[in-house]
Amino acid sequence: MWLLAAVSCVTTLILAYIMIYGFTPWALPGYTRVVGQIFNPGVAMILILKIVLFSLAVAVIPLASSYYTGTQNPLLRRMGAAHGLADMVRMFSVILLVEAASLMGNYY
């Protein structure tokens, strides 16, 4: 998850530079200054915290749900596919809460 976030951040920064300035290296000092002003320490800390919480959600939720078999309930034994869907809904809701908290941190 962390490698995916790092690669996407670097790719986004490179593509933004190319889209704004083209393939010229002369605008690099101004671009790094603007990026540094946008990603101040508070925004960078929220981004890092969001990446850590996303990685924890992606790692812990499937691991925790694998320990729950549901063999006590015969209805849950018959609905194996619904168990996977419930895991996806749990992960989506946790990721949605993390994203909402990070947006509140950035804008308030």
Protein backbone atom coordinates (compact mmCIF):
# COMPACT_ATOMS: atom_id res chain seq x y z
CA MET A 1 0.00 0.00 0.00
CA TRP A 2 2.81 2.39 0.85
CA LEU A 3 4.66 1.65 -2.37
CA LEU A 4 1.47 2.16 -4.36
CA ALA A 5 0.92 5.53 -2.64
CA ALA A 6 4.53 6.60 -3.24
CA VAL A 7 4.45 5.65 -6.91
CA SER A 8 1.12 7.40 -7.45
CA CYS A 9 2.36 10.58 -5.73
CA VAL A 10 5.55 10.71 -7.82
CA THR A 11 3.65 9.94 -11.02
CA THR A 12 1.11 12.66 -10.26
CA LEU A 13 3.82 15.23 -9.58
CA ILE A 14 5.66 14.37 -12.80
CA LEU A 15 2.50 14.42 -14.91
CA ALA A 16 1.38 17.73 -13.38
CA TYR A 17 4.76 19.28 -14.22
CA ILE A 18 4.61 18.01 -17.79
CA MET A 19 1.03 19.18 -18.27
CA ILE A 20 1.74 22.68 -16.95
CA TYR A 21 5.26 23.41 -18.21
CA GLY A 22 5.92 20.79 -20.87
CA PHE A 23 9.26 19.04 -21.26
CA THR A 24 11.42 21.99 -20.19
CA PRO A 25 13.67 21.78 -17.13
CA TRP A 26 13.75 25.58 -16.66
CA ALA A 27 10.55 25.77 -14.63
CA LEU A 28 11.63 23.22 -12.01
CA PRO A 29 12.58 25.75 -9.25
CA GLY A 30 9.23 27.52 -9.49
CA TYR A 31 7.35 24.23 -9.60
CA THR A 32 9.08 22.86 -6.50
CA ARG A 33 8.35 26.14 -4.69
CA VAL A 34 4.63 25.93 -5.53
CA VAL A 35 4.45 22.24 -4.54
CA GLY A 36 6.22 23.07 -1.28
CA GLN A 37 3.70 25.79 -0.55
CA ILE A 38 0.74 23.53 -1.27
CA PHE A 39 2.07 20.56 0.72
CA ASN A 40 2.90 22.39 3.92
CA PRO A 41 3.76 20.27 6.98
CA GLY A 42 0.14 19.99 8.12
CA VAL A 43 -1.13 18.75 4.76
CA ALA A 44 1.83 16.38 4.41
CA MET A 45 1.18 14.96 7.88
CA ILE A 46 -2.50 14.37 7.05
CA LEU A 47 -1.51 12.67 3.78
CA ILE A 48 0.95 10.37 5.56
CA LEU A 49 -1.60 9.58 8.27
CA LYS A 50 -4.21 8.81 5.62
CA ILE A 51 -1.84 6.44 3.85
CA VAL A 52 -1.05 4.65 7.12
CA LEU A 53 -4.73 4.32 8.03
CA PHE A 54 -5.60 3.08 4.53
CA SER A 55 -2.87 0.45 4.74
CA LEU A 56 -4.08 -0.65 8.16
CA ALA A 57 -7.65 -0.93 6.89
CA VAL A 58 -6.60 -2.95 3.87
CA ALA A 59 -4.45 -5.25 6.02
CA VAL A 60 -6.49 -5.68 9.19
CA ILE A 61 -10.08 -5.97 7.94
CA PRO A 62 -9.56 -9.05 5.72
CA LEU A 63 -7.32 -10.60 8.36
CA ALA A 64 -9.90 -10.08 11.10
CA SER A 65 -12.74 -11.37 8.96
CA SER A 66 -10.81 -14.54 8.11
CA TYR A 67 -10.97 -15.53 11.78
CA TYR A 68 -14.75 -15.27 11.74
CA THR A 69 -16.12 -18.38 10.08
CA GLY A 70 -19.76 -18.14 10.99
CA THR A 71 -20.11 -21.93 11.24
CA GLN A 72 -22.42 -21.58 14.22
CA ASN A 73 -25.13 -20.07 12.08
CA PRO A 74 -26.34 -22.43 9.31
CA LEU A 75 -27.63 -19.52 7.25
CA LEU A 76 -24.15 -18.00 7.09
CA ARG A 77 -22.64 -21.32 6.02
CA ARG A 78 -24.84 -21.31 2.94
CA MET A 79 -24.02 -17.72 2.05
CA GLY A 80 -20.27 -17.86 1.46
CA ALA A 81 -20.28 -15.20 -1.26
CA ALA A 82 -22.19 -12.77 0.92
CA HIS A 83 -19.44 -13.03 3.53
CA GLY A 84 -16.91 -11.67 1.02
CA LEU A 85 -19.28 -8.89 0.05
CA ALA A 86 -19.74 -7.95 3.69
CA ASP A 87 -15.96 -7.70 4.04
CA MET A 88 -15.81 -5.36 1.06
CA VAL A 89 -18.58 -3.19 2.53
CA ARG A 90 -16.71 -3.01 5.86
CA MET A 91 -13.49 -2.01 4.12
CA PHE A 92 -15.27 0.57 1.98
CA SER A 93 -16.93 2.13 5.01
CA VAL A 94 -13.63 2.35 6.92
CA ILE A 95 -11.87 3.88 3.91
CA LEU A 96 -14.75 6.33 3.50
CA LEU A 97 -14.46 7.37 7.16
CA VAL A 98 -10.69 7.85 6.84
CA GLU A 99 -11.16 9.93 3.69
CA ALA A 100 -13.84 12.08 5.33
CA ALA A 101 -11.60 12.64 8.36
CA SER A 102 -8.67 13.63 6.16
CA LEU A 103 -10.83 16.09 4.22
CA MET A 104 -12.04 17.61 7.47
CA GLY A 105 -8.41 17.89 8.62
CA ASN A 106 -7.36 19.61 5.41
CA TYR A 107 -10.21 22.11 5.21
CA TYR A 108 -10.93 22.95 8.87
